């Protein structure tokens, strides 16, 4: 069962679970789906809890604006924000979050 929550809909996850990672996306973003797929694989492996923030919605834009996020895909880990400009950025983030070679080969 997935733990993904929709931040723009007020969803949260609780408990002492894997590290929470928030991904800011937009429906017309060409690189967002690859980021979603990679992070969901980590979530399914139990390594993270993924929260999605869709800038295609008013609530998503409001949340992104309040945090100063203007580019997508952007990943938030704790207080660290990083825009994934290239595939190599995504691979590095996934590796830092615990992805193994088998998962990375699926990208």
Foldseek 3Di string as FASTA:
>chain_A
DAQEEEVLVVDDDDDPFAFEKEWEEEPVDPPQVVLVVLVRVCRVVRLYHYYYQYCNDPSSVVVCVVLVHDDPGWMDGPNDIDHCPDVVSSVVVSVVSPDDPVSVVVD
